[in-house]
Amino acid sequence: MNRIKQKLQEDKKILSIYFTAGYPKLNDTVKIIQDLEKNGVDLIEIGLPFSDPLADGPTIQASSTAALKNGMNTALLFEQLKDIRKTVSIPLILMGYFNPVLQFGVEEFCQKCEEIGIDGLILPDLPLDVYQDQYEAIFKKHGLINVFLITPQTSRERILAIDAASEGFIYMVSSASTTGAKNGFGPEQTAYFERIASMNLNNPQIVGFGISNANTFQLATEKTKGAIIGSAFIKHLTQNGTSGIAEFVTQIR
């Protein structure tokens, strides 16, 4: 069974951490993954830096720019991760934009993911219909779960279509904004969380955008399976490098 599906079956709230590959230093990627797992993180999203990250706020954009300057690219990331399954067992997801995947070659990219032990992909700019028409068979051939995003503005019909097409979890964007830490969630977000929970979807939801501390993690997971922390962790890496990861994770839980 795919590691994402296995993890979702556990009776706990999922803490997922996002970070940008090749940041803060080019060769930090593997150490960060190992330290996150060691300190109880359930799932890791490894960001593939891209020069035009439309959905990312300033913190993740800056990390992406720095990672590219450091020399990070798709081929190098695959090289860095080639032995990751010798030391790491939790689910790993590559998150990025579709253009680098297309440039690498979709079949080749998915083949590399399978060889390394990547469990899924999050490609926010790959439309559902294009995925289903052109790429779903390739993803499934290589055992990859494609994770789709919904927002407060996503129609009920589209949410149901995404749920039907999903095999792991649905990435539930907390608000119609770019990524970034928030102090809490307002009544609009709370109503959104309740509305999605009332739909009784087949796939669990994990909330992203705006989760930065124990309070927002707890609020985001009251009606969902888990939450994703990205910008707050990248700020931690900016300030502390790869030290203090244990303290960061502990203060979330």
Protein backbone atom coordinates (compact mmCIF):
# COMPACT_ATOMS: atom_id res chain seq x y z
CA MET A 1 0.00 0.00 0.00
CA ASN A 2 1.15 3.54 -0.75
CA ARG A 3 2.73 5.13 2.35
CA ILE A 4 0.34 8.09 2.20
CA LYS A 5 -2.68 5.77 2.45
CA GLN A 6 -1.04 3.88 5.32
CA LYS A 7 -0.32 7.07 7.23
CA LEU A 8 -3.87 8.35 6.77
CA GLN A 9 -5.21 5.20 8.42
CA GLU A 10 -3.42 6.02 11.68
CA ASP A 11 -5.59 7.30 14.51
CA LYS A 12 -3.91 10.68 14.85
CA LYS A 13 -3.83 14.17 13.40
CA ILE A 14 -1.28 14.43 10.62
CA LEU A 15 1.47 17.02 10.90
CA SER A 16 2.93 17.70 7.45
CA ILE A 17 5.90 19.98 6.93
CA TYR A 18 6.80 21.71 3.66
CA PHE A 19 10.25 23.00 2.87
CA THR A 20 12.09 24.05 -0.28
CA ALA A 21 14.73 21.63 -1.57
CA GLY A 22 18.20 23.17 -1.59
CA TYR A 23 17.40 25.74 1.10
CA PRO A 24 18.92 27.22 3.15
CA LYS A 25 21.98 25.46 1.72
CA LEU A 26 22.13 23.30 -1.38
CA ASN A 27 22.95 20.07 0.45
CA ASP A 28 20.60 20.51 3.45
CA THR A 29 17.71 18.58 1.84
CA VAL A 30 18.39 15.09 3.19
CA LYS A 31 19.34 16.24 6.70
CA ILE A 32 16.12 18.27 7.00
CA ILE A 33 14.02 15.26 5.94
CA GLN A 34 15.79 12.96 8.39
CA ASP A 35 15.48 15.42 11.28
CA LEU A 36 11.79 16.04 10.61
CA GLU A 37 11.01 12.32 10.70
CA LYS A 38 13.17 11.82 13.80
CA ASN A 39 11.10 14.45 15.62
CA GLY A 40 7.68 13.03 14.86
CA VAL A 41 6.55 14.69 11.64
CA ASP A 42 4.10 12.43 9.79
CA LEU A 43 4.50 13.55 6.20
CA ILE A 44 6.94 15.77 4.32
CA GLU A 45 6.36 17.91 1.25
CA ILE A 46 9.58 18.67 -0.58
CA GLY A 47 9.27 21.81 -2.65
CA LEU A 48 10.85 21.83 -6.09
CA PRO A 49 11.91 25.47 -6.55
CA PHE A 50 10.52 27.30 -9.55
CA SER A 51 11.23 30.77 -10.93
CA ASP A 52 7.57 31.86 -11.09
CA PRO A 53 5.76 30.42 -8.04
CA LEU A 54 2.26 31.86 -8.44
CA ALA A 55 0.64 30.53 -5.26
CA ASP A 56 3.54 31.12 -2.91
CA GLY A 57 3.83 33.99 -0.48
CA PRO A 58 7.02 36.03 0.02
CA THR A 59 8.69 33.60 2.44
CA ILE A 60 8.46 30.56 0.17
CA GLN A 61 9.20 32.67 -2.91
CA ALA A 62 12.41 33.92 -1.30
CA SER A 63 13.45 30.38 -0.37
CA SER A 64 12.74 29.21 -3.91
CA THR A 65 14.84 32.02 -5.40
CA ALA A 66 17.69 31.25 -3.00
CA ALA A 67 17.52 27.51 -3.73
CA LEU A 68 17.74 28.16 -7.48
CA LYS A 69 20.74 30.44 -6.89
CA ASN A 70 22.27 27.67 -4.79
CA GLY A 71 22.05 25.46 -7.87
CA MET A 72 19.03 23.29 -7.08
CA ASN A 73 17.26 21.66 -10.03
CA THR A 74 15.15 18.58 -10.69
CA ALA A 75 18.01 16.27 -11.64
CA LEU A 76 20.06 17.31 -8.61
CA LEU A 77 17.11 16.79 -6.26
CA PHE A 78 16.65 13.25 -7.56
CA GLU A 79 20.38 12.63 -7.04
CA GLN A 80 20.19 13.94 -3.47
CA LEU A 81 17.19 11.72 -2.69
CA LYS A 82 18.39 8.52 -4.37
CA ASP A 83 19.16 6.78 -1.04
CA ILE A 84 16.52 8.49 1.12
CA ARG A 85 14.59 5.28 1.75
CA LYS A 86 17.59 3.78 3.53
CA THR A 87 16.97 6.17 6.42
CA VAL A 88 13.42 7.57 6.09
CA SER A 89 10.12 5.66 6.15
CA ILE A 90 7.38 8.33 6.34
CA PRO A 91 5.52 9.50 3.20
CA LEU A 92 7.37 11.94 0.95
CA ILE A 93 5.59 14.17 -1.55
CA LEU A 94 7.18 16.40 -4.17
CA MET A 95 5.38 19.72 -4.50
CA GLY A 96 5.93 22.20 -7.27
CA TYR A 97 4.72 23.48 -10.59
CA PHE A 98 4.08 21.39 -13.66
CA ASN A 99 6.56 23.14 -15.95
CA PRO A 100 9.72 21.52 -14.47
CA VAL A 101 8.00 18.11 -14.60
CA LEU A 102 7.10 18.67 -18.24
CA GLN A 103 10.64 19.81 -19.04
CA PHE A 104 12.12 16.74 -17.34
CA GLY A 105 9.62 14.50 -19.11
CA VAL A 106 6.51 13.31 -17.27
CA GLU A 107 7.22 9.60 -17.71
CA GLU A 108 10.88 10.04 -16.73
CA PHE A 109 9.94 12.18 -13.74
CA CYS A 110 7.44 9.62 -12.46
CA GLN A 111 9.88 6.78 -13.05
CA LYS A 112 12.51 8.59 -10.96
CA CYS A 113 9.96 9.18 -8.20
CA GLU A 114 9.15 5.47 -8.12
CA GLU A 115 12.83 4.48 -8.01
CA ILE A 116 13.54 6.84 -5.11
CA GLY A 117 10.40 6.05 -3.13
CA ILE A 118 8.39 9.24 -3.57
CA ASP A 119 4.74 8.61 -2.70
CA GLY A 120 2.88 11.48 -4.29
CA LEU A 121 2.92 14.78 -6.14
CA ILE A 122 1.24 18.13 -5.55
CA LEU A 123 1.16 20.19 -8.74
CA PRO A 124 -1.27 23.07 -8.18
CA ASP A 125 -1.24 24.25 -11.79
CA LEU A 126 -2.02 20.85 -13.35
CA PRO A 127 -5.76 20.96 -14.09
CA LEU A 128 -7.90 17.99 -13.10
CA ASP A 129 -9.17 17.31 -16.62
CA VAL A 130 -5.69 17.51 -18.17
CA TYR A 131 -4.36 15.15 -15.50
CA GLN A 132 -7.14 12.65 -16.10
CA ASP A 133 -6.88 12.82 -19.89
CA GLN A 134 -3.12 12.76 -20.29
CA TYR A 135 -1.22 11.79 -17.15
CA GLU A 136 -3.29 9.75 -14.71
CA ALA A 137 -2.22 6.43 -16.23
CA ILE A 138 1.45 7.40 -15.96
CA PHE A 139 1.13 8.46 -12.32
CA LYS A 140 -0.69 5.27 -11.39
CA LYS A 141 1.79 3.10 -13.30
CA HIS A 142 4.52 4.43 -11.02
CA GLY A 143 2.49 4.25 -7.80
CA LEU A 144 2.15 8.00 -7.35
CA ILE A 145 -0.81 9.69 -5.69
CA ASN A 146 -1.71 13.05 -7.20
CA VAL A 147 -2.97 15.46 -4.54
CA PHE A 148 -5.50 18.09 -5.64
CA LEU A 149 -6.23 21.44 -4.00
CA ILE A 150 -9.54 23.01 -3.06
CA THR A 151 -10.16 26.54 -1.78
CA PRO A 152 -13.11 28.33 -0.16
CA GLN A 153 -14.14 29.38 -3.69
CA THR A 154 -14.12 25.87 -5.18
CA SER A 155 -17.62 24.87 -6.27
CA ARG A 156 -19.41 21.91 -4.74
CA GLU A 157 -19.42 20.15 -8.12
CA ARG A 158 -15.68 20.55 -8.53
CA ILE A 159 -15.00 19.40 -4.96
CA LEU A 160 -16.99 16.24 -5.65
CA ALA A 161 -15.10 15.69 -8.91
CA ILE A 162 -11.76 16.12 -7.11
CA ASP A 163 -12.88 13.76 -4.37
CA ALA A 164 -13.82 11.14 -6.97
CA ALA A 165 -10.42 11.51 -8.67
CA SER A 166 -8.39 11.41 -5.45
CA GLU A 167 -6.77 8.44 -3.77
CA GLY A 168 -5.00 9.94 -0.78
CA PHE A 169 -6.03 13.24 0.76
CA ILE A 170 -7.39 16.54 -0.47
CA TYR A 171 -5.20 19.59 0.10
CA MET A 172 -7.59 22.08 1.63
CA VAL A 173 -6.31 25.62 1.10
CA SER A 174 -7.52 27.60 4.11
CA SER A 175 -8.09 30.90 2.33
CA ALA A 176 -8.00 32.52 -1.10
CA SER A 177 -4.52 33.96 -0.68
CA THR A 178 -0.89 33.07 -1.13
CA THR A 179 0.94 30.95 1.42
CA GLY A 180 2.04 32.53 4.68
CA ALA A 181 1.68 32.33 8.42
CA LYS A 182 -1.47 33.71 10.03
CA ASN A 183 -2.33 34.34 13.69
CA GLY A 184 -5.61 32.47 13.51
CA PHE A 185 -8.68 31.72 11.44
CA GLY A 186 -11.70 33.99 11.15
CA PRO A 187 -15.37 33.09 10.85
CA GLU A 188 -15.09 32.66 7.07
CA GLN A 189 -12.46 29.95 7.44
CA THR A 190 -14.35 28.28 10.26
CA ALA A 191 -17.52 28.17 8.16
CA TYR A 192 -15.50 26.76 5.25
CA PHE A 193 -14.02 24.00 7.43
CA GLU A 194 -17.50 23.11 8.69
CA ARG A 195 -18.98 23.14 5.18
CA ILE A 196 -16.39 20.74 3.81
CA ALA A 197 -16.71 18.47 6.86
CA SER A 198 -20.48 18.29 6.29
CA MET A 199 -19.92 16.98 2.74
CA ASN A 200 -18.58 13.68 4.14
CA LEU A 201 -16.05 13.30 1.35
CA ASN A 202 -14.40 9.94 0.67
CA ASN A 203 -10.91 11.38 1.08
CA PRO A 204 -9.63 13.04 4.26
CA GLN A 205 -8.60 16.67 4.10
CA ILE A 206 -5.33 18.21 5.19
CA VAL A 207 -5.30 21.99 5.61
CA GLY A 208 -2.56 24.22 4.21
CA PHE A 209 -1.85 27.96 4.15
CA GLY A 210 -1.84 29.92 7.40
CA ILE A 211 -0.78 27.26 9.92
CA SER A 212 2.23 28.37 11.93
CA ASN A 213 1.92 27.32 15.58
CA ALA A 214 0.14 25.01 18.01
CA ASN A 215 -2.99 27.20 18.06
CA THR A 216 -3.52 27.33 14.29
CA PHE A 217 -2.62 23.64 13.98
CA GLN A 218 -5.27 22.74 16.56
CA LEU A 219 -7.91 24.97 14.95
CA ALA A 220 -7.16 23.63 11.47
CA THR A 221 -7.42 20.00 12.55
CA GLU A 222 -10.64 20.16 14.57
CA LYS A 223 -12.63 19.02 11.54
CA THR A 224 -9.85 17.70 9.29
CA LYS A 225 -7.25 14.95 9.30
CA GLY A 226 -4.22 17.18 9.53
CA ALA A 227 -2.43 20.39 8.65
CA ILE A 228 0.60 21.54 6.69
CA ILE A 229 3.16 24.04 7.91
CA GLY A 230 5.37 25.69 5.30
CA SER A 231 6.23 29.38 5.64
CA ALA A 232 6.73 29.21 9.42
CA PHE A 233 9.19 26.34 9.03
CA ILE A 234 11.07 28.09 6.25
CA LYS A 235 11.35 31.19 8.45
CA HIS A 236 12.81 28.91 11.11
CA LEU A 237 15.36 27.57 8.61
CA THR A 238 16.22 31.12 7.52
CA GLN A 239 16.92 32.14 11.10
CA ASN A 240 18.47 28.93 12.46
CA GLY A 241 19.69 26.86 9.54
CA THR A 242 19.14 23.16 10.15
CA SER A 243 19.53 23.42 13.94
CA GLY A 244 16.57 23.54 16.28
CA ILE A 245 14.22 21.39 14.17
CA ALA A 246 13.28 19.36 17.26
CA GLU A 247 12.20 22.50 19.10
CA PHE A 248 10.19 23.72 16.14
CA VAL A 249 8.22 20.49 15.81
CA THR A 250 7.69 20.18 19.57
CA GLN A 251 6.09 23.62 19.85
CA ILE A 252 3.56 22.68 17.15
CA ARG A 253 2.42 19.48 18.82
